[in-house]
Amino acid sequence: MSARTDKPHEVVERALELSRADGCVVIADEESTANLRWAGNALTTNGVTRGRTLTVIATVDGKEGTASGVVSRSAVTADELEPLVRAAEAAARGAAPAEDAQPLVTGVTQSPAFTEAPVETSSAVFADFAPALGEAFARARAGGRELYGFANHELVSTYLGTSTGLRLRHDQPTGTLELNAKSPDRTRSAWAGRSTRDFKDVDPAALDAELAVRLGWAERRIELPAGRYETLLPPTAVADLMIYQLWSASGRDAAEGRTVFSTPGGGTRLGERLTELPLTLRSDPNEPGLESAPFVVAHSSGGDRSVFDNGLPIPATEWIRGGELRQLTTSRHSAALTGLPVAPGADNLILDGGSDRSLDDMVASTTRGLLLTCLWYIREVDPATLLLTGLTRDGVYLVEDGEVVGEVTNFRFNESPVDLLGRATEAGRTEKTLPREWSDWFTRSAMPALRVPDFNMSSVSQGV
């Protein structure tokens, strides 16, 4: 047996056979990636990688409760498989009882493709994209701008088996494109990003044309002081804020009075209206174009995620429905502690319920305000209000009487996404988008643009 020649489902089965623990979960992640990078209107590097990571979770019952031990390793050979299983068992026997201990999941129907070979990506995923990118380089060069960026495609086939009989498999494609256009003197910069499953829906020419317009806007520079401005947040910026809000929506933390979703004196804000706009924030593993794992895959425990929940089905969940807070994230353990429904987080996020107006339509109806490109370097300031700080990047533009009239200063902002939802006066058309800040961790999102009448630009930033 070798890490590459043995079929992943066979490795899972063999590890389960070797287990001497009271319970065992084995996760095999078969990973492949392909990427392109470019700078100054020319490709610089490309590559393809392959790998496998094996995670063994052992559970050991004791008089005081059940302990768990987790060990993950890559490129496990035949000789290393049993030592890996024994290491997980030793970790469990040396650990205190796990607070999140629950019976391992049962009763989930086996995935039809569990015994089939993993899917893999290759440079062929860029067969149409790469020539189109080359044509975009030529247009950018002729137009006096330089393109920088990268495209990455990853395919992960996850095989999950448990001592309780679960045999599950999920194939997850993840593609990201980030494109920067810069003026030759580097004083002007514009960014665009896309999330894709296969690069068949990405048009480099359209992105380059969009960036050319933005660089044109930036030829006129207007200095503005810090302050509160009517601001149009594009879908990518809304995604960054809503994803952080979801990450902060722990049911247990809220019930224990530690978050923005807590109520004074105990309890949560479930049932409270967070915005007058008829917005629904939801996750759905079967959302077309944003499909994600339909069951829990937990390589470790933490917060409202538990290794004991591996294989637990993930249903479609409405976190906010029609502006009202409806669900907070929970594991089976934290749900039992708080009395809240079990609601594991999914790997996608959709905000809809706005109008059918595009961002351009919203610009056209703006008397005076700011148009952002994206946000970055987002950090939490106060968990009690979910106050975040961060910076604008790659273009903030002034809109007057429905037209962009120039580029203004970049800013540091201070805003809570929960408070921001409550103050938003318009939501546009929901579209698939790539969050700029969280693109390494969370790529599957669809968001509308939002109009906020008084977005807090707390100080001026000198970044481009």
Protein backbone atom coordinates (compact mmCIF):
# COMPACT_ATOMS: atom_id res chain seq x y z
CA MET A 1 0.00 0.00 0.00
CA SER A 2 1.15 3.56 -0.75
CA ALA A 3 -0.49 6.94 -0.20
CA ARG A 4 -1.24 7.22 -3.93
CA THR A 5 -1.88 3.66 -5.17
CA ASP A 6 -4.37 2.48 -2.55
CA LYS A 7 -7.92 3.65 -3.14
CA PRO A 8 -9.07 6.10 -0.46
CA HIS A 9 -12.08 4.01 0.57
CA GLU A 10 -9.78 1.01 1.07
CA VAL A 11 -7.54 3.05 3.36
CA VAL A 12 -10.60 4.11 5.37
CA GLU A 13 -11.78 0.50 5.69
CA ARG A 14 -8.34 -0.74 6.71
CA ALA A 15 -7.97 1.95 9.39
CA LEU A 16 -11.39 1.05 10.81
CA GLU A 17 -10.41 -2.63 10.88
CA LEU A 18 -7.24 -1.77 12.80
CA SER A 19 -9.10 0.27 15.42
CA ARG A 20 -9.31 -1.11 18.96
CA ALA A 21 -11.11 1.94 20.36
CA ASP A 22 -14.73 2.05 21.45
CA GLY A 23 -15.48 4.30 18.48
CA CYS A 24 -13.58 5.39 15.40
CA VAL A 25 -13.99 7.94 12.61
CA VAL A 26 -11.65 7.98 9.61
CA ILE A 27 -11.50 10.83 7.09
CA ALA A 28 -9.45 10.56 3.89
CA ASP A 29 -9.09 13.79 1.93
CA GLU A 30 -7.76 13.28 -1.59
CA GLU A 31 -6.61 16.68 -2.86
CA SER A 32 -5.46 17.99 -6.24
CA THR A 33 -4.79 21.57 -7.32
CA ALA A 34 -3.91 23.42 -10.50
CA ASN A 35 -2.88 27.07 -10.63
CA LEU A 36 -1.73 29.91 -12.86
CA ARG A 37 -0.01 33.13 -11.80
CA TRP A 38 0.77 36.22 -13.83
CA ALA A 39 2.37 39.66 -13.46
CA GLY A 40 2.89 42.57 -15.80
CA ASN A 41 0.66 41.04 -18.53
CA ALA A 42 2.58 37.76 -18.66
CA LEU A 43 2.26 34.32 -17.09
CA THR A 44 4.93 33.69 -14.46
CA THR A 45 4.25 30.25 -12.97
CA ASN A 46 1.87 27.35 -13.16
CA GLY A 47 1.67 24.04 -11.37
CA VAL A 48 -0.29 20.96 -10.39
CA THR A 49 -0.16 19.21 -7.01
CA ARG A 50 -1.59 16.00 -5.56
CA GLY A 51 -1.88 14.85 -1.96
CA ARG A 52 -3.80 12.83 0.58
CA THR A 53 -4.43 13.56 4.24
CA LEU A 54 -5.72 10.89 6.60
CA THR A 55 -7.41 11.81 9.90
CA VAL A 56 -8.21 9.22 12.54
CA ILE A 57 -10.51 10.08 15.44
CA ALA A 58 -10.61 7.53 18.24
CA THR A 59 -13.14 7.62 21.09
CA VAL A 60 -12.65 5.78 24.38
CA ASP A 61 -15.38 5.30 26.97
CA GLY A 62 -14.58 5.69 30.67
CA LYS A 63 -16.32 5.95 34.00
CA GLU A 64 -16.36 9.76 33.80
CA GLY A 65 -17.27 10.02 30.13
CA THR A 66 -15.95 9.57 26.60
CA ALA A 67 -12.58 10.94 25.52
CA SER A 68 -11.44 11.57 21.98
CA GLY A 69 -8.08 11.63 20.26
CA VAL A 70 -7.39 13.07 16.83
CA VAL A 71 -4.30 12.53 14.67
CA SER A 72 -3.87 13.72 11.04
CA ARG A 73 -1.01 12.88 8.71
CA SER A 74 -0.28 13.22 5.02
CA ALA A 75 1.17 10.63 2.64
CA VAL A 76 0.52 7.70 4.99
CA THR A 77 2.12 4.44 3.80
CA ALA A 78 1.09 0.87 4.65
CA ASP A 79 3.67 0.72 7.43
CA GLU A 80 2.46 4.02 8.89
CA LEU A 81 -1.27 3.28 8.94
CA GLU A 82 -1.39 1.17 12.10
CA PRO A 83 0.91 3.55 14.04
CA LEU A 84 -1.45 6.38 13.03
CA VAL A 85 -4.47 4.51 14.39
CA ARG A 86 -2.62 3.63 17.59
CA ALA A 87 -1.52 7.26 18.02
CA ALA A 88 -5.13 8.41 17.89
CA GLU A 89 -6.11 5.76 20.44
CA ALA A 90 -3.24 6.75 22.73
CA ALA A 91 -4.28 10.40 22.48
CA ALA A 92 -7.85 9.45 23.46
CA ARG A 93 -6.72 7.33 26.42
CA GLY A 94 -4.51 10.15 27.67
CA ALA A 95 -7.22 12.80 27.37
CA ALA A 96 -9.87 13.94 29.82
CA PRO A 97 -13.48 13.21 28.93
CA ALA A 98 -14.56 15.33 25.97
CA GLU A 99 -17.09 18.00 26.84
CA ASP A 100 -18.73 17.62 23.43
CA ALA A 101 -19.03 13.82 23.63
CA GLN A 102 -22.06 12.39 21.86
CA PRO A 103 -22.82 8.96 20.38
CA LEU A 104 -21.28 8.70 16.92
CA VAL A 105 -23.77 9.39 14.14
CA THR A 106 -25.75 6.47 12.73
CA GLY A 107 -28.42 5.85 10.11
CA VAL A 108 -27.08 7.92 7.21
CA THR A 109 -27.40 6.23 3.82
CA GLN A 110 -24.10 5.29 2.18
CA SER A 111 -22.94 7.55 -0.64
CA PRO A 112 -23.35 5.74 -3.98
CA ALA A 113 -19.82 6.68 -5.10
CA PHE A 114 -18.05 5.76 -1.86
CA THR A 115 -15.99 3.00 -3.49
CA GLU A 116 -15.19 4.93 -6.65
CA ALA A 117 -11.88 6.62 -7.43
CA PRO A 118 -11.43 10.27 -6.41
CA VAL A 119 -11.93 13.04 -8.92
CA GLU A 120 -8.89 15.12 -9.82
CA THR A 121 -8.21 18.47 -11.39
CA SER A 122 -5.43 19.25 -13.85
CA SER A 123 -4.16 22.06 -16.05
CA ALA A 124 -6.94 21.09 -18.48
CA VAL A 125 -9.36 23.07 -16.30
CA PHE A 126 -7.75 26.20 -17.79
CA ALA A 127 -8.08 25.01 -21.43
CA ASP A 128 -10.47 27.83 -22.38
CA PHE A 129 -9.54 30.29 -19.66
CA ALA A 130 -5.79 30.52 -20.40
CA PRO A 131 -6.11 31.61 -24.08
CA ALA A 132 -8.75 34.16 -23.11
CA LEU A 133 -6.41 35.45 -20.40
CA GLY A 134 -3.65 35.84 -22.99
CA GLU A 135 -5.98 37.95 -25.13
CA ALA A 136 -6.78 40.08 -22.06
CA PHE A 137 -3.02 40.64 -21.57
CA ALA A 138 -2.76 41.98 -25.12
CA ARG A 139 -5.71 44.35 -24.66
CA ALA A 140 -4.36 45.57 -21.32
CA ARG A 141 -0.91 46.17 -22.81
CA ALA A 142 -2.44 48.15 -25.67
CA GLY A 143 -4.53 50.13 -23.17
CA GLY A 144 -1.57 51.09 -20.99
CA ARG A 145 -2.39 48.96 -17.95
CA GLU A 146 -0.77 45.95 -16.32
CA LEU A 147 -2.57 42.83 -15.11
CA TYR A 148 -1.51 40.84 -12.07
CA GLY A 149 -3.20 37.92 -10.37
CA PHE A 150 -3.73 34.21 -10.03
CA ALA A 151 -6.21 31.46 -10.75
CA ASN A 152 -6.48 28.42 -8.54
CA HIS A 153 -8.58 25.29 -8.89
CA GLU A 154 -8.83 22.60 -6.23
CA LEU A 155 -10.72 19.32 -6.13
CA VAL A 156 -11.06 17.49 -2.83
CA SER A 157 -12.69 14.08 -2.60
CA THR A 158 -13.53 13.39 1.04
CA TYR A 159 -14.20 9.83 2.21
CA LEU A 160 -15.67 9.47 5.69
CA GLY A 161 -16.14 6.13 7.45
CA THR A 162 -17.13 5.36 11.04
CA SER A 163 -17.31 2.35 13.32
CA THR A 164 -21.08 2.89 13.41
CA GLY A 165 -21.35 2.07 9.73
CA LEU A 166 -21.29 5.44 7.96
CA ARG A 167 -19.67 5.43 4.52
CA LEU A 168 -19.92 8.91 3.01
CA ARG A 169 -18.14 10.71 0.18
CA HIS A 170 -18.22 14.27 -1.17
CA ASP A 171 -16.36 15.85 -4.09
CA GLN A 172 -15.73 19.57 -3.67
CA PRO A 173 -14.45 21.73 -6.53
CA THR A 174 -13.21 25.18 -5.54
CA GLY A 175 -12.01 27.74 -8.05
CA THR A 176 -10.90 31.31 -7.40
CA LEU A 177 -9.72 34.07 -9.70
CA GLU A 178 -8.22 37.35 -8.48
CA LEU A 179 -7.25 39.99 -11.01
CA ASN A 180 -5.53 43.33 -10.37
CA ALA A 181 -5.10 46.05 -12.95
CA LYS A 182 -2.52 48.73 -12.26
CA SER A 183 -1.36 51.87 -13.97
CA PRO A 184 2.32 51.69 -15.05
CA ASP A 185 3.33 54.13 -12.30
CA ARG A 186 1.47 51.97 -9.68
CA THR A 187 -0.51 54.95 -8.38
CA ARG A 188 -3.84 53.47 -9.50
CA SER A 189 -5.09 49.97 -8.79
CA ALA A 190 -8.37 48.12 -9.31
CA TRP A 191 -9.39 44.58 -8.31
CA ALA A 192 -11.94 42.00 -9.38
CA GLY A 193 -12.46 38.47 -8.12
CA ARG A 194 -14.60 35.52 -9.07
CA SER A 195 -15.59 32.22 -7.49
CA THR A 196 -16.11 29.32 -9.87
CA ARG A 197 -16.47 25.54 -9.88
CA ASP A 198 -14.78 24.90 -13.23
CA PHE A 199 -13.60 28.20 -14.85
CA LYS A 200 -16.17 27.81 -17.62
CA ASP A 201 -18.16 30.79 -16.34
CA VAL A 202 -15.21 33.20 -16.00
CA ASP A 203 -14.57 35.80 -18.71
CA PRO A 204 -11.14 37.50 -18.49
CA ALA A 205 -12.09 40.00 -21.20
CA ALA A 206 -15.12 41.21 -19.26
CA LEU A 207 -13.08 41.50 -16.06
CA ASP A 208 -10.34 43.45 -17.83
CA ALA A 209 -12.93 45.80 -19.31
CA GLU A 210 -14.43 46.37 -15.85
CA LEU A 211 -10.99 47.15 -14.40
CA ALA A 212 -10.16 49.49 -17.27
CA VAL A 213 -13.23 51.56 -16.44
CA ARG A 214 -12.23 51.74 -12.79
CA LEU A 215 -8.67 52.80 -13.61
CA GLY A 216 -10.21 55.52 -15.76
CA TRP A 217 -12.29 56.73 -12.83
CA ALA A 218 -9.10 56.94 -10.75
CA GLU A 219 -7.44 59.42 -13.13
CA ARG A 220 -9.20 62.15 -11.15
CA ARG A 221 -8.20 62.15 -7.47
CA ILE A 222 -10.47 63.77 -4.85
CA GLU A 223 -9.39 64.09 -1.23
CA LEU A 224 -12.11 63.41 1.35
CA PRO A 225 -11.84 63.44 5.14
CA ALA A 226 -12.95 60.62 7.40
CA GLY A 227 -16.61 60.63 8.32
CA ARG A 228 -19.93 58.91 7.71
CA TYR A 229 -20.93 58.64 4.06
CA GLU A 230 -23.74 57.08 2.10
CA THR A 231 -21.92 54.05 0.76
CA LEU A 232 -22.59 51.35 -1.81
CA LEU A 233 -21.08 48.05 -0.72
CA PRO A 234 -20.57 45.64 -3.66
CA PRO A 235 -21.41 41.94 -3.21
CA THR A 236 -17.80 40.98 -2.41
CA ALA A 237 -17.69 43.42 0.54
CA VAL A 238 -21.10 42.29 1.78
CA ALA A 239 -19.88 38.68 1.62
CA ASP A 240 -16.85 39.43 3.81
CA LEU A 241 -19.10 41.02 6.45
CA MET A 242 -21.85 38.38 6.36
CA ILE A 243 -19.36 35.50 6.54
CA TYR A 244 -17.81 36.98 9.67
CA GLN A 245 -21.29 37.40 11.10
CA LEU A 246 -22.02 33.71 10.46
CA TRP A 247 -18.72 32.70 12.06
CA SER A 248 -19.78 34.72 15.11
CA ALA A 249 -23.29 33.26 15.34
CA SER A 250 -22.52 30.57 17.93
CA GLY A 251 -25.66 29.49 19.73
CA ARG A 252 -23.75 28.55 22.86
CA ASP A 253 -21.80 31.80 23.02
CA ALA A 254 -25.01 33.77 22.51
CA ALA A 255 -26.87 31.82 25.22
CA GLU A 256 -23.97 32.46 27.60
CA GLY A 257 -24.14 36.22 27.03
CA ARG A 258 -20.90 36.66 25.09
CA THR A 259 -21.97 37.91 21.66
CA VAL A 260 -24.01 40.41 19.71
CA PHE A 261 -26.75 37.76 19.54
CA SER A 262 -27.15 37.67 23.35
CA THR A 263 -29.88 39.46 25.27
CA PRO A 264 -29.29 41.25 28.59
CA GLY A 265 -29.95 38.96 31.52
CA GLY A 266 -29.57 35.77 29.48
CA GLY A 267 -31.01 34.24 26.35
CA THR A 268 -30.59 34.96 22.66
CA ARG A 269 -32.03 37.38 20.14
CA LEU A 270 -33.75 34.64 18.15
CA GLY A 271 -37.05 36.00 16.82
CA GLU A 272 -35.79 39.59 16.85
CA ARG A 273 -35.99 41.64 13.66
CA LEU A 274 -32.49 42.70 12.62
CA THR A 275 -33.43 44.69 9.50
CA GLU A 276 -36.52 46.24 7.98
CA LEU A 277 -35.42 44.99 4.57
CA PRO A 278 -37.01 41.62 3.68
CA LEU A 279 -33.64 39.87 3.60
CA THR A 280 -32.98 36.18 4.15
CA LEU A 281 -29.51 34.91 5.05
CA ARG A 282 -29.27 31.18 4.45
CA SER A 283 -27.05 28.20 3.75
CA ASP A 284 -27.96 25.24 1.57
CA PRO A 285 -25.54 22.43 0.59
CA ASN A 286 -27.59 21.92 -2.58
CA GLU A 287 -27.65 25.56 -3.74
CA PRO A 288 -27.03 25.48 -7.53
CA GLY A 289 -23.50 26.63 -8.35
CA LEU A 290 -22.57 26.83 -4.65
CA GLU A 291 -22.89 23.13 -3.72
CA SER A 292 -21.02 22.08 -0.57
CA ALA A 293 -20.71 19.01 1.66
CA PRO A 294 -24.18 17.82 2.74
CA PHE A 295 -22.82 16.30 5.94
CA VAL A 296 -20.50 17.41 8.75
CA VAL A 297 -16.79 16.87 8.13
CA ALA A 298 -14.99 17.84 11.35
CA HIS A 299 -11.26 17.19 11.63
CA SER A 300 -11.24 18.73 15.11
CA SER A 301 -13.62 20.03 17.76
CA GLY A 302 -14.06 23.67 18.62
CA GLY A 303 -16.86 26.16 19.15
CA ASP A 304 -20.03 24.70 17.67
CA ARG A 305 -18.19 22.06 15.65
CA SER A 306 -17.60 18.57 17.04
CA VAL A 307 -15.76 15.48 15.82
CA PHE A 308 -18.59 13.42 17.30
CA ASP A 309 -20.94 14.98 14.70
CA ASN A 310 -19.01 13.65 11.71
CA GLY A 311 -21.48 12.47 9.09
CA LEU A 312 -24.42 14.40 10.54
CA PRO A 313 -26.60 15.62 7.65
CA ILE A 314 -26.56 19.38 7.03
CA PRO A 315 -29.99 20.68 5.99
CA ALA A 316 -30.83 23.95 4.27
CA THR A 317 -30.93 26.54 7.05
CA GLU A 318 -32.29 30.09 7.22
CA TRP A 319 -30.18 32.07 9.68
CA ILE A 320 -32.23 35.22 9.04
CA ARG A 321 -35.67 35.01 7.42
CA GLY A 322 -37.41 38.12 6.15
CA GLY A 323 -35.15 40.26 8.33
CA GLU A 324 -35.75 38.18 11.50
CA LEU A 325 -33.04 36.17 13.29
CA ARG A 326 -34.14 32.53 13.07
CA GLN A 327 -31.15 30.25 13.77
CA LEU A 328 -27.74 30.23 15.43
CA THR A 329 -25.06 27.62 14.77
CA THR A 330 -24.98 24.62 17.11
CA SER A 331 -23.51 21.15 17.39
CA ARG A 332 -25.55 18.36 18.95
CA HIS A 333 -23.73 19.07 22.21
CA SER A 334 -24.26 22.85 22.24
CA ALA A 335 -27.87 22.39 21.13
CA ALA A 336 -28.46 20.14 24.13
CA LEU A 337 -26.82 22.70 26.44
CA THR A 338 -28.84 25.65 25.17
CA GLY A 339 -32.13 24.08 24.15
CA LEU A 340 -31.65 25.43 20.63
CA PRO A 341 -32.22 23.33 17.49
CA VAL A 342 -29.26 21.45 16.03
CA ALA A 343 -27.94 23.68 13.23
CA PRO A 344 -24.48 22.81 11.88
CA GLY A 345 -22.90 25.44 9.70
CA ALA A 346 -22.63 24.75 5.96
CA ASP A 347 -19.85 25.80 3.62
CA ASN A 348 -21.87 28.36 1.66
CA LEU A 349 -23.84 31.51 2.42
CA ILE A 350 -26.55 33.33 0.46
CA LEU A 351 -28.22 36.68 1.20
CA ASP A 352 -31.31 37.31 -0.88
CA GLY A 353 -34.66 39.07 -0.76
CA GLY A 354 -33.50 42.38 -2.21
CA SER A 355 -34.55 44.01 -5.46
CA ASP A 356 -33.49 43.04 -8.98
CA ARG A 357 -31.39 46.20 -9.35
CA SER A 358 -27.75 45.86 -10.34
CA LEU A 359 -24.91 47.76 -8.69
CA ASP A 360 -24.83 50.05 -11.74
CA ASP A 361 -28.53 50.77 -11.24
CA MET A 362 -27.86 51.67 -7.62
CA VAL A 363 -25.02 53.99 -8.64
CA ALA A 364 -27.34 55.70 -11.13
CA SER A 365 -29.83 56.53 -8.37
CA THR A 366 -27.23 57.91 -5.94
CA THR A 367 -27.19 61.67 -5.39
CA ARG A 368 -23.89 61.70 -3.52
CA GLY A 369 -22.06 58.79 -1.98
CA LEU A 370 -19.14 56.39 -2.09
CA LEU A 371 -18.74 53.25 -4.17
CA LEU A 372 -16.36 50.65 -2.70
CA THR A 373 -14.38 47.96 -4.51
CA CYS A 374 -13.57 45.63 -1.63
CA LEU A 375 -12.55 45.31 2.02
CA TRP A 376 -9.50 43.70 3.57
CA TYR A 377 -7.56 43.25 6.83
CA ILE A 378 -10.82 42.81 8.74
CA ARG A 379 -10.42 42.31 12.47
CA GLU A 380 -12.84 42.09 15.41
CA VAL A 381 -12.85 44.96 17.89
CA ASP A 382 -15.77 44.11 20.21
CA PRO A 383 -17.56 40.71 20.22
CA ALA A 384 -20.42 42.12 22.28
CA THR A 385 -21.48 44.31 19.33
CA LEU A 386 -19.52 42.46 16.62
CA LEU A 387 -17.74 45.72 15.85
CA LEU A 388 -15.22 45.11 13.08
CA THR A 389 -12.45 47.27 11.71
CA GLY A 390 -10.70 47.00 8.37
CA LEU A 391 -9.55 48.88 5.31
CA THR A 392 -10.91 49.69 1.89
CA ARG A 393 -8.68 48.68 -0.99
CA ASP A 394 -8.13 49.04 -4.75
CA GLY A 395 -10.48 51.91 -5.31
CA VAL A 396 -13.06 54.00 -3.45
CA TYR A 397 -15.03 56.24 -5.82
CA LEU A 398 -17.17 59.33 -5.38
CA VAL A 399 -20.61 59.24 -6.98
CA GLU A 400 -22.45 62.49 -7.70
CA ASP A 401 -25.82 62.73 -9.44
CA GLY A 402 -25.67 59.13 -10.58
CA GLU A 403 -22.17 59.30 -12.08
CA VAL A 404 -18.74 58.28 -10.75
CA VAL A 405 -16.68 61.48 -10.78
CA GLY A 406 -13.35 60.28 -9.41
CA GLU A 407 -11.39 58.21 -6.92
CA VAL A 408 -11.17 59.29 -3.29
CA THR A 409 -9.03 58.38 -0.32
CA ASN A 410 -8.92 54.87 1.05
CA PHE A 411 -10.27 54.58 4.59
CA ARG A 412 -10.25 52.53 7.73
CA PHE A 413 -13.79 51.61 8.67
CA ASN A 414 -15.48 50.64 11.94
CA GLU A 415 -18.79 48.81 11.50
CA SER A 416 -20.80 45.91 12.91
CA PRO A 417 -22.39 43.78 10.18
CA VAL A 418 -25.43 43.25 12.43
CA ASP A 419 -25.87 46.99 12.97
CA LEU A 420 -25.14 47.64 9.31
CA LEU A 421 -27.99 45.34 8.24
CA GLY A 422 -30.30 47.30 10.48
CA ARG A 423 -29.31 50.60 8.84
CA ALA A 424 -29.20 49.45 5.21
CA THR A 425 -31.85 51.15 3.08
CA GLU A 426 -31.52 49.13 -0.13
CA ALA A 427 -30.38 45.70 -1.25
CA GLY A 428 -29.79 44.95 -4.91
CA ARG A 429 -29.71 41.79 -6.97
CA THR A 430 -28.10 38.71 -5.40
CA GLU A 431 -25.18 37.34 -7.40
CA LYS A 432 -22.42 34.82 -6.87
CA THR A 433 -19.33 36.56 -5.53
CA LEU A 434 -15.86 36.03 -4.11
CA PRO A 435 -15.09 37.56 -0.69
CA ARG A 436 -11.75 39.40 -0.88
CA GLU A 437 -10.68 38.92 2.73
CA TRP A 438 -11.87 35.36 3.33
CA SER A 439 -11.19 33.82 -0.09
CA ASP A 440 -8.68 31.36 1.38
CA TRP A 441 -11.32 29.93 3.76
CA PHE A 442 -14.81 30.59 2.41
CA THR A 443 -15.45 30.95 -1.31
CA ARG A 444 -19.07 29.88 -1.89
CA SER A 445 -21.31 32.91 -1.41
CA ALA A 446 -24.00 34.91 -3.22
CA MET A 447 -24.77 38.45 -2.06
CA PRO A 448 -26.50 41.66 -3.16
CA ALA A 449 -25.00 45.11 -3.11
CA LEU A 450 -26.14 47.12 -0.09
CA ARG A 451 -26.78 50.84 0.33
CA VAL A 452 -25.86 52.15 3.78
CA PRO A 453 -26.71 55.82 4.43
CA ASP A 454 -24.02 56.43 7.06
CA PHE A 455 -21.14 53.96 6.71
CA ASN A 456 -18.45 54.85 9.24
CA MET A 457 -15.14 55.72 7.58
CA SER A 458 -13.28 56.29 10.84
CA SER A 459 -9.92 57.45 9.47
CA VAL A 460 -8.00 57.98 6.25
CA SER A 461 -5.75 55.18 4.97
CA GLN A 462 -2.76 55.84 2.72
CA GLY A 463 -2.88 52.44 1.02
CA VAL A 464 -3.64 52.01 -2.68
